[in-house]
Amino acid sequence: MAKKVVATLQKGEGKNFAKIVKAVKSEKTGAYTFREEIVPLDQIQNSLNS
C-alpha cells in the first residue's frame, strides 16, 4: 500500500507533499507505534514539533 501512496505523490501536485513517519511511545503499555502523516512541504516543521 505504501508503494501506491508514494507513486501517487510523484505525479502532478503530489510533489508539494511529504510523508512523515513518527515513532510514538504509548503511555499505557510503553510500546512504540508508528504514526504516518502526509503534509504539505511548508508545514513539515509544524507537524514535527507537535
Protein backbone atom coordinates (compact mmCIF):
# COMPACT_ATOMS: atom_id res chain seq x y z
CA MET A 1 0.00 0.00 0.00
CA ALA A 2 2.83 2.41 0.78
CA LYS A 3 4.22 1.96 -2.71
CA LYS A 4 0.91 3.05 -4.20
CA VAL A 5 0.82 6.16 -1.99
CA VAL A 6 4.38 7.10 -2.91
CA ALA A 7 3.71 6.51 -6.61
CA THR A 8 0.62 8.70 -6.45
CA LEU A 9 2.55 11.51 -4.78
CA GLN A 10 5.15 11.53 -7.59
CA LYS A 11 2.64 12.90 -10.11
CA GLY A 12 1.40 16.47 -10.54
CA GLU A 13 0.82 18.40 -7.33
CA GLY A 14 1.83 15.45 -5.16
CA LYS A 15 5.39 16.76 -5.26
CA ASN A 16 4.26 19.51 -2.87
CA PHE A 17 3.63 16.98 -0.09
CA ALA A 18 5.85 14.88 2.17
CA LYS A 19 5.15 11.69 4.08
CA ILE A 20 6.24 11.83 7.73
CA VAL A 21 6.57 8.73 9.90
CA LYS A 22 6.86 9.30 13.66
CA ALA A 23 7.55 6.79 16.42
CA VAL A 24 5.16 7.47 19.31
CA LYS A 25 5.53 5.81 22.71
CA SER A 26 2.32 4.62 24.36
CA GLU A 27 1.96 5.77 27.96
CA LYS A 28 -0.26 2.79 28.73
CA THR A 29 1.97 -0.07 27.53
CA GLY A 30 5.33 1.60 26.88
CA ALA A 31 5.41 0.15 23.36
CA TYR A 32 6.23 2.25 20.33
CA THR A 33 3.80 2.68 17.45
CA PHE A 34 4.31 4.48 14.17
CA ARG A 35 2.10 7.34 13.03
CA GLU A 36 2.16 8.32 9.37
CA GLU A 37 1.09 11.70 8.00
CA ILE A 38 1.08 13.30 4.59
CA VAL A 39 1.60 17.04 4.96
CA PRO A 40 2.34 19.98 2.65
CA LEU A 41 6.04 20.84 2.37
CA ASP A 42 5.57 24.21 4.06
CA GLN A 43 4.03 22.62 7.17
CA ILE A 44 6.63 19.94 7.86
CA GLN A 45 8.25 21.73 10.82
CA ASN A 46 4.86 22.40 12.44
CA SER A 47 3.95 18.74 12.15
CA LEU A 48 7.27 17.53 13.57
CA ASN A 49 7.08 19.87 16.56
CA SER A 50 3.62 18.72 17.63
